[in-house]
Amino acid sequence: MRYIAKNTSIPVPKVYCAFVRKGITYILMERIKGDILGNGWLKRSEESKTKLLTQLKGMIGELRRLQSPLSDICIGNVDGGPFYEERLYSKDNLHGPFKTIREFHLHIRRGRSSEEGPWVDPEVNELFSLHEKPWGPIVFTHGDLSSLNVLARGDDISGIIDWETAGWFPSYWEYTTACQVNPYNPFWREEIERFLEPNPEALEMERIRQRCFGVF
C-alpha cells in the first residue's frame, strides 16, 4: 500500500505501522470512508456504474505503467519476495519468487511438465501448449479486484483495499483472478470487461489449470 501511495494516485489506506506479535502480523492503517462497491450495485443507474468503472479502469492503467525495480526476479511480491495466493496449491499460501514466466507456469501446475509425455486428458496437453506462449509483459497487479475490495462514496471511488495478493505478474493475471468472482457478488463477472481488457484464451487456460491442478 505504501508503494502504491508513493507511485500512483490510487486511493489506498495510509499505513501507520506494522508489527509482529506472538507470530501474528498486524497492520495499523487508516480507515477510508466509503462503502464496498458491491453493496447496492444493482440499484445504481447505468450512468453511475459507468462513472465508477471508468475511474477503476484509469487506476488499473496507472498500475500497468509502473516499472518493476527488480533486476533478477520476474514474478514475485512488490519487493521481489514470495507472493501470497491462497488459490494456488501451497502449505503456507506463499509462492516463488520466479525468474521467468515459464517457472511460474510450471509451479502453478504443480511441477508437471510436457516432457513427462502426453497425458490421457487432452486438456492437460492443451494447457502445456498454452503455457508456452508468450504471456508478457510483467505488470504490477492487485490480484483480487473483487467488488468487495473497491470502496466508493457516491459516484467516486474512495479506495482500493486488500492488497495481500498484489505483486508483479503476467498481464493476464489481473483478468483471470478478477473473473473468480465472490459467490455473493455474481453480477461482478458481467462488469469486469468494462475495466479490464478481455483475454478469453487466458481465461480458458486458467479454467483448465484449475480443473486439473487447482486447490482441491
C-alpha atoms as a PDB file:
ATOM      1  CA  MET A   1       0.000   0.000   0.000  1.00  0.00           C
ATOM      2  CA  ARG A   2       2.910   2.357   0.711  1.00  0.00           C
ATOM      3  CA  TYR A   3       4.365   1.568  -2.714  1.00  0.00           C
ATOM      4  CA  ILE A   4       1.051   2.338  -4.435  1.00  0.00           C
ATOM      5  CA  ALA A   5       0.548   5.530  -2.426  1.00  0.00           C
ATOM      6  CA  LYS A   6       4.049   6.740  -3.339  1.00  0.00           C
ATOM      7  CA  ASN A   7       3.941   5.910  -7.047  1.00  0.00           C
ATOM      8  CA  THR A   8       0.306   6.388  -8.118  1.00  0.00           C
ATOM      9  CA  SER A   9      -2.768   8.488  -7.381  1.00  0.00           C
ATOM     10  CA  ILE A  10      -4.793   5.379  -6.480  1.00  0.00           C
ATOM     11  CA  PRO A  11      -6.532   5.884  -3.106  1.00  0.00           C
ATOM     12  CA  VAL A  12      -5.312   3.301  -0.600  1.00  0.00           C
ATOM     13  CA  PRO A  13      -5.351   3.231   3.216  1.00  0.00           C
ATOM     14  CA  LYS A  14      -2.444   5.057   4.829  1.00  0.00           C
ATOM     15  CA  VAL A  15      -0.255   2.601   6.737  1.00  0.00           C
ATOM     16  CA  TYR A  16       0.706   3.900  10.175  1.00  0.00           C
ATOM     17  CA  CYS A  17       2.715   0.903  11.321  1.00  0.00           C
ATOM     18  CA  ALA A  18       3.079  -2.858  11.027  1.00  0.00           C
ATOM     19  CA  PHE A  19       4.436  -5.326  13.559  1.00  0.00           C
ATOM     20  CA  VAL A  20       4.539  -8.997  14.528  1.00  0.00           C
ATOM     21  CA  ARG A  21       3.368 -10.166  17.937  1.00  0.00           C
ATOM     22  CA  LYS A  22       3.319 -13.820  19.002  1.00  0.00           C
ATOM     23  CA  GLY A  23       3.722 -14.892  15.394  1.00  0.00           C
ATOM     24  CA  ILE A  24       0.814 -12.801  14.099  1.00  0.00           C
ATOM     25  CA  THR A  25       1.351  -9.811  11.822  1.00  0.00           C
ATOM     26  CA  TYR A  26      -0.713  -6.687  12.438  1.00  0.00           C
ATOM     27  CA  ILE A  27      -1.128  -3.602  10.253  1.00  0.00           C
ATOM     28  CA  LEU A  28      -2.466  -0.369  11.696  1.00  0.00           C
ATOM     29  CA  MET A  29      -3.943   1.654   8.850  1.00  0.00           C
ATOM     30  CA  GLU A  30      -6.296   4.478   8.010  1.00  0.00           C
ATOM     31  CA  ARG A  31     -10.000   3.752   7.779  1.00  0.00           C
ATOM     32  CA  ILE A  32     -11.251   5.028   4.430  1.00  0.00           C
ATOM     33  CA  LYS A  33     -14.756   6.396   4.254  1.00  0.00           C
ATOM     34  CA  GLY A  34     -16.914   4.611   1.728  1.00  0.00           C
ATOM     35  CA  ASP A  35     -18.958   1.502   1.101  1.00  0.00           C
ATOM     36  CA  ILE A  36     -17.913  -1.589  -0.824  1.00  0.00           C
ATOM     37  CA  LEU A  37     -18.904  -1.307  -4.460  1.00  0.00           C
ATOM     38  CA  GLY A  38     -20.913  -4.499  -4.341  1.00  0.00           C
ATOM     39  CA  ASN A  39     -23.429  -3.002  -1.926  1.00  0.00           C
ATOM     40  CA  GLY A  40     -26.312  -1.536  -3.905  1.00  0.00           C
ATOM     41  CA  TRP A  41     -24.603  -2.052  -7.266  1.00  0.00           C
ATOM     42  CA  LEU A  42     -27.701  -3.445  -8.957  1.00  0.00           C
ATOM     43  CA  LYS A  43     -29.681  -0.400  -7.851  1.00  0.00           C
ATOM     44  CA  ARG A  44     -27.243   2.072  -9.421  1.00  0.00           C
ATOM     45  CA  SER A  45     -28.073   3.819 -12.674  1.00  0.00           C
ATOM     46  CA  GLU A  46     -26.094   2.920 -15.781  1.00  0.00           C
ATOM     47  CA  GLU A  47     -24.556   6.381 -15.676  1.00  0.00           C
ATOM     48  CA  SER A  48     -23.332   5.837 -12.114  1.00  0.00           C
ATOM     49  CA  LYS A  49     -21.874   2.429 -12.975  1.00  0.00           C
ATOM     50  CA  THR A  50     -20.059   3.856 -15.986  1.00  0.00           C
ATOM     51  CA  LYS A  51     -18.506   6.672 -13.940  1.00  0.00           C
ATOM     52  CA  LEU A  52     -17.186   4.257 -11.333  1.00  0.00           C
ATOM     53  CA  LEU A  53     -15.873   1.658 -13.777  1.00  0.00           C
ATOM     54  CA  THR A  54     -14.194   4.349 -15.873  1.00  0.00           C
ATOM     55  CA  GLN A  55     -12.361   5.549 -12.767  1.00  0.00           C
ATOM     56  CA  LEU A  56     -11.367   1.977 -11.927  1.00  0.00           C
ATOM     57  CA  LYS A  57     -10.065   1.444 -15.460  1.00  0.00           C
ATOM     58  CA  GLY A  58      -7.916   4.548 -15.130  1.00  0.00           C
ATOM     59  CA  MET A  59      -6.465   3.284 -11.861  1.00  0.00           C
ATOM     60  CA  ILE A  60      -5.605  -0.056 -13.444  1.00  0.00           C
ATOM     61  CA  GLY A  61      -3.853   1.899 -16.178  1.00  0.00           C
ATOM     62  CA  GLU A  62      -1.692   3.527 -13.528  1.00  0.00           C
ATOM     63  CA  LEU A  63      -0.719   0.123 -12.172  1.00  0.00           C
ATOM     64  CA  ARG A  64       0.236  -1.025 -15.663  1.00  0.00           C
ATOM     65  CA  ARG A  65       2.568   1.926 -16.148  1.00  0.00           C
ATOM     66  CA  LEU A  66       4.642   1.094 -13.079  1.00  0.00           C
ATOM     67  CA  GLN A  67       8.120  -0.160 -13.888  1.00  0.00           C
ATOM     68  CA  SER A  68       9.439  -3.112 -11.933  1.00  0.00           C
ATOM     69  CA  PRO A  69      12.534  -2.220  -9.875  1.00  0.00           C
ATOM     70  CA  LEU A  70      13.503  -5.896  -9.701  1.00  0.00           C
ATOM     71  CA  SER A  71      16.571  -6.974 -11.657  1.00  0.00           C
ATOM     72  CA  ASP A  72      16.732 -10.756 -11.380  1.00  0.00           C
ATOM     73  CA  ILE A  73      13.136 -11.555 -10.390  1.00  0.00           C
ATOM     74  CA  CYS A  74      10.325 -11.704 -12.916  1.00  0.00           C
ATOM     75  CA  ILE A  75       7.336 -12.691 -10.771  1.00  0.00           C
ATOM     76  CA  GLY A  76       7.018 -12.026  -7.062  1.00  0.00           C
ATOM     77  CA  ASN A  77       5.645  -9.635  -4.489  1.00  0.00           C
ATOM     78  CA  VAL A  78       6.254  -5.881  -4.523  1.00  0.00           C
ATOM     79  CA  ASP A  79       9.874  -6.147  -3.379  1.00  0.00           C
ATOM     80  CA  GLY A  80      10.757  -9.395  -5.135  1.00  0.00           C
ATOM     81  CA  GLY A  81       9.920 -11.864  -2.368  1.00  0.00           C
ATOM     82  CA  PRO A  82       7.345 -14.692  -2.322  1.00  0.00           C
ATOM     83  CA  PHE A  83       3.790 -13.668  -3.125  1.00  0.00           C
ATOM     84  CA  TYR A  84       0.685 -14.694  -1.188  1.00  0.00           C
ATOM     85  CA  GLU A  85      -2.084 -16.552  -3.018  1.00  0.00           C
ATOM     86  CA  GLU A  86      -4.447 -18.983  -1.314  1.00  0.00           C
ATOM     87  CA  ARG A  87      -5.991 -20.024  -4.649  1.00  0.00           C
ATOM     88  CA  LEU A  88      -2.793 -21.850  -5.596  1.00  0.00           C
ATOM     89  CA  TYR A  89      -1.596 -25.098  -4.003  1.00  0.00           C
ATOM     90  CA  SER A  90       0.871 -24.488  -1.166  1.00  0.00           C
ATOM     91  CA  LYS A  91       1.133 -25.382   2.517  1.00  0.00           C
ATOM     92  CA  ASP A  92       1.565 -21.743   3.602  1.00  0.00           C
ATOM     93  CA  ASN A  93      -0.016 -19.931   0.605  1.00  0.00           C
ATOM     94  CA  LEU A  94       3.370 -18.417  -0.295  1.00  0.00           C
ATOM     95  CA  HIS A  95       4.854 -18.901  -3.758  1.00  0.00           C
ATOM     96  CA  GLY A  96       8.034 -18.019  -5.580  1.00  0.00           C
ATOM     97  CA  PRO A  97       9.594 -15.735  -6.450  1.00  0.00           C
ATOM     98  CA  PHE A  98      10.204 -16.829 -10.041  1.00  0.00           C
ATOM     99  CA  LYS A  99      12.801 -15.666 -12.546  1.00  0.00           C
ATOM    100  CA  THR A 100      10.698 -16.491 -15.615  1.00  0.00           C
ATOM    101  CA  ILE A 101       7.067 -16.887 -16.623  1.00  0.00           C
ATOM    102  CA  ARG A 102       7.897 -20.485 -17.554  1.00  0.00           C
ATOM    103  CA  GLU A 103       8.985 -21.206 -13.958  1.00  0.00           C
ATOM    104  CA  PHE A 104       5.777 -19.584 -12.698  1.00  0.00           C
ATOM    105  CA  HIS A 105       3.611 -21.687 -15.012  1.00  0.00           C
ATOM    106  CA  LEU A 106       5.447 -24.865 -14.033  1.00  0.00           C
ATOM    107  CA  HIS A 107       4.787 -24.078 -10.364  1.00  0.00           C
ATOM    108  CA  ILE A 108       1.073 -23.340 -10.730  1.00  0.00           C
ATOM    109  CA  ARG A 109       0.540 -26.678 -12.464  1.00  0.00           C
ATOM    110  CA  ARG A 110       2.305 -28.424  -9.571  1.00  0.00           C
ATOM    111  CA  GLY A 111       5.557 -29.104 -11.390  1.00  0.00           C
ATOM    112  CA  ARG A 112       4.007 -31.204 -14.143  1.00  0.00           C
ATOM    113  CA  SER A 113       5.828 -30.879 -17.459  1.00  0.00           C
ATOM    114  CA  SER A 114       5.096 -31.825 -21.053  1.00  0.00           C
ATOM    115  CA  GLU A 115       8.489 -33.563 -21.023  1.00  0.00           C
ATOM    116  CA  GLU A 116       6.870 -36.315 -18.952  1.00  0.00           C
ATOM    117  CA  GLY A 117       4.965 -37.289 -22.089  1.00  0.00           C
ATOM    118  CA  PRO A 118       1.418 -36.736 -23.345  1.00  0.00           C
ATOM    119  CA  TRP A 119      -1.412 -37.018 -20.852  1.00  0.00           C
ATOM    120  CA  VAL A 120      -4.553 -39.064 -21.336  1.00  0.00           C
ATOM    121  CA  ASP A 121      -6.516 -35.908 -20.649  1.00  0.00           C
ATOM    122  CA  PRO A 122      -6.263 -33.816 -23.856  1.00  0.00           C
ATOM    123  CA  GLU A 123      -6.949 -30.612 -21.916  1.00  0.00           C
ATOM    124  CA  VAL A 124      -3.735 -31.053 -19.932  1.00  0.00           C
ATOM    125  CA  ASN A 125      -1.768 -31.284 -23.169  1.00  0.00           C
ATOM    126  CA  GLU A 126      -3.564 -28.139 -24.337  1.00  0.00           C
ATOM    127  CA  LEU A 127      -2.567 -26.407 -21.095  1.00  0.00           C
ATOM    128  CA  PHE A 128       1.097 -27.258 -21.697  1.00  0.00           C
ATOM    129  CA  SER A 129       0.866 -25.633 -25.132  1.00  0.00           C
ATOM    130  CA  LEU A 130      -0.932 -22.550 -23.842  1.00  0.00           C
ATOM    131  CA  HIS A 131       1.583 -22.061 -21.030  1.00  0.00           C
ATOM    132  CA  GLU A 132       4.433 -21.998 -23.553  1.00  0.00           C
ATOM    133  CA  LYS A 133       3.000 -18.966 -25.331  1.00  0.00           C
ATOM    134  CA  PRO A 134       4.498 -15.510 -24.710  1.00  0.00           C
ATOM    135  CA  TRP A 135       2.355 -14.172 -21.845  1.00  0.00           C
ATOM    136  CA  GLY A 136       4.212 -10.952 -21.066  1.00  0.00           C
ATOM    137  CA  PRO A 137       4.580  -8.208 -20.181  1.00  0.00           C
ATOM    138  CA  ILE A 138       5.043  -8.405 -16.427  1.00  0.00           C
ATOM    139  CA  VAL A 139       2.932  -5.732 -14.722  1.00  0.00           C
ATOM    140  CA  PHE A 140       2.022  -4.708 -11.210  1.00  0.00           C
ATOM    141  CA  THR A 141      -1.193  -6.490 -10.300  1.00  0.00           C
ATOM    142  CA  HIS A 142      -3.689  -6.182  -7.453  1.00  0.00           C
ATOM    143  CA  GLY A 143      -4.680  -9.826  -7.810  1.00  0.00           C
ATOM    144  CA  ASP A 144      -8.170  -9.669  -6.311  1.00  0.00           C
ATOM    145  CA  LEU A 145     -10.228  -6.920  -7.940  1.00  0.00           C
ATOM    146  CA  SER A 146     -13.496  -8.032  -6.427  1.00  0.00           C
ATOM    147  CA  SER A 147     -16.394  -5.635  -5.930  1.00  0.00           C
ATOM    148  CA  LEU A 148     -15.737  -6.256  -2.219  1.00  0.00           C
ATOM    149  CA  ASN A 149     -12.284  -4.655  -2.470  1.00  0.00           C
ATOM    150  CA  VAL A 150     -13.307  -1.384  -4.084  1.00  0.00           C
ATOM    151  CA  LEU A 151     -14.797   1.377  -1.920  1.00  0.00           C
ATOM    152  CA  ALA A 152     -16.994   4.201  -3.194  1.00  0.00           C
ATOM    153  CA  ARG A 153     -18.671   7.352  -1.945  1.00  0.00           C
ATOM    154  CA  GLY A 154     -21.456   8.263  -4.305  1.00  0.00           C
ATOM    155  CA  ASP A 155     -20.064   8.093  -7.832  1.00  0.00           C
ATOM    156  CA  ASP A 156     -16.427   8.347  -6.758  1.00  0.00           C
ATOM    157  CA  ILE A 157     -14.030   5.537  -5.890  1.00  0.00           C
ATOM    158  CA  SER A 158     -12.655   6.347  -2.447  1.00  0.00           C
ATOM    159  CA  GLY A 159     -10.288   3.430  -2.011  1.00  0.00           C
ATOM    160  CA  ILE A 160      -8.958   0.085  -3.188  1.00  0.00           C
ATOM    161  CA  ILE A 161      -8.174  -2.305  -0.343  1.00  0.00           C
ATOM    162  CA  ASP A 162      -6.874  -5.823   0.391  1.00  0.00           C
ATOM    163  CA  TRP A 163      -3.545  -5.790  -1.434  1.00  0.00           C
ATOM    164  CA  GLU A 164      -2.184  -9.008   0.092  1.00  0.00           C
ATOM    165  CA  THR A 165      -2.196 -10.825  -3.269  1.00  0.00           C
ATOM    166  CA  ALA A 166      -0.517  -7.944  -5.134  1.00  0.00           C
ATOM    167  CA  GLY A 167       2.795  -8.230  -6.966  1.00  0.00           C
ATOM    168  CA  TRP A 168       4.471  -8.490 -10.349  1.00  0.00           C
ATOM    169  CA  PHE A 169       2.652 -10.930 -12.636  1.00  0.00           C
ATOM    170  CA  PRO A 170       1.973 -11.661 -16.317  1.00  0.00           C
ATOM    171  CA  SER A 171      -0.527  -9.111 -17.616  1.00  0.00           C
ATOM    172  CA  TYR A 172      -3.323 -11.707 -17.909  1.00  0.00           C
ATOM    173  CA  TRP A 173      -3.265 -12.499 -14.172  1.00  0.00           C
ATOM    174  CA  GLU A 174      -5.372  -9.489 -13.140  1.00  0.00           C
ATOM    175  CA  TYR A 175      -8.151 -10.505 -15.520  1.00  0.00           C
ATOM    176  CA  THR A 176      -8.242 -14.207 -14.699  1.00  0.00           C
ATOM    177  CA  THR A 177      -8.152 -13.659 -10.927  1.00  0.00           C
ATOM    178  CA  ALA A 178     -10.860 -10.983 -11.121  1.00  0.00           C
ATOM    179  CA  CYS A 179     -13.075 -13.415 -13.024  1.00  0.00           C
ATOM    180  CA  GLN A 180     -13.064 -15.730  -9.988  1.00  0.00           C
ATOM    181  CA  VAL A 181     -15.917 -13.707  -8.548  1.00  0.00           C
ATOM    182  CA  ASN A 182     -17.128 -13.963  -4.979  1.00  0.00           C
ATOM    183  CA  PRO A 183     -20.319 -16.091  -4.877  1.00  0.00           C
ATOM    184  CA  TYR A 184     -22.041 -13.254  -3.008  1.00  0.00           C
ATOM    185  CA  ASN A 185     -21.453 -10.915  -5.953  1.00  0.00           C
ATOM    186  CA  PRO A 186     -22.043 -12.953  -9.123  1.00  0.00           C
ATOM    187  CA  PHE A 187     -23.108  -9.806 -11.004  1.00  0.00           C
ATOM    188  CA  TRP A 188     -19.485  -8.577 -10.942  1.00  0.00           C
ATOM    189  CA  ARG A 189     -18.464 -11.062 -13.627  1.00  0.00           C
ATOM    190  CA  GLU A 190     -20.566  -9.071 -16.113  1.00  0.00           C
ATOM    191  CA  GLU A 191     -18.712  -5.839 -15.281  1.00  0.00           C
ATOM    192  CA  ILE A 192     -15.080  -6.966 -15.338  1.00  0.00           C
ATOM    193  CA  GLU A 193     -14.511  -6.418 -19.044  1.00  0.00           C
ATOM    194  CA  ARG A 194     -15.545  -2.792 -18.643  1.00  0.00           C
ATOM    195  CA  PHE A 195     -12.363  -2.030 -16.695  1.00  0.00           C
ATOM    196  CA  LEU A 196     -10.003  -4.879 -17.674  1.00  0.00           C
ATOM    197  CA  GLU A 197      -9.021  -5.978 -21.166  1.00  0.00           C
ATOM    198  CA  PRO A 198     -10.755  -9.279 -22.009  1.00  0.00           C
ATOM    199  CA  ASN A 199      -8.495 -12.268 -22.596  1.00  0.00           C
ATOM    200  CA  PRO A 200     -10.637 -15.332 -23.408  1.00  0.00           C
ATOM    201  CA  GLU A 201      -7.631 -17.521 -24.197  1.00  0.00           C
ATOM    202  CA  ALA A 202      -6.036 -16.818 -20.811  1.00  0.00           C
ATOM    203  CA  LEU A 203      -9.357 -17.444 -19.087  1.00  0.00           C
ATOM    204  CA  GLU A 204      -9.671 -20.824 -20.804  1.00  0.00           C
ATOM    205  CA  MET A 205      -6.070 -21.603 -19.883  1.00  0.00           C
ATOM    206  CA  GLU A 206      -6.797 -20.860 -16.219  1.00  0.00           C
ATOM    207  CA  ARG A 207     -10.034 -22.869 -16.339  1.00  0.00           C
ATOM    208  CA  ILE A 208      -8.086 -25.936 -17.464  1.00  0.00           C
ATOM    209  CA  ARG A 209      -5.345 -25.381 -14.893  1.00  0.00           C
ATOM    210  CA  GLN A 210      -7.798 -25.022 -12.030  1.00  0.00           C
ATOM    211  CA  ARG A 211      -9.710 -28.138 -13.050  1.00  0.00           C
ATOM    212  CA  CYS A 212      -6.583 -30.270 -13.390  1.00  0.00           C
ATOM    213  CA  PHE A 213      -4.135 -28.759 -10.890  1.00  0.00           C
ATOM    214  CA  GLY A 214      -6.131 -26.382  -8.706  1.00  0.00           C
ATOM    215  CA  VAL A 215      -6.719 -26.394  -4.972  1.00  0.00           C
ATOM    216  CA  PHE A 216      -8.895 -29.353  -4.007  1.00  0.00           C
END
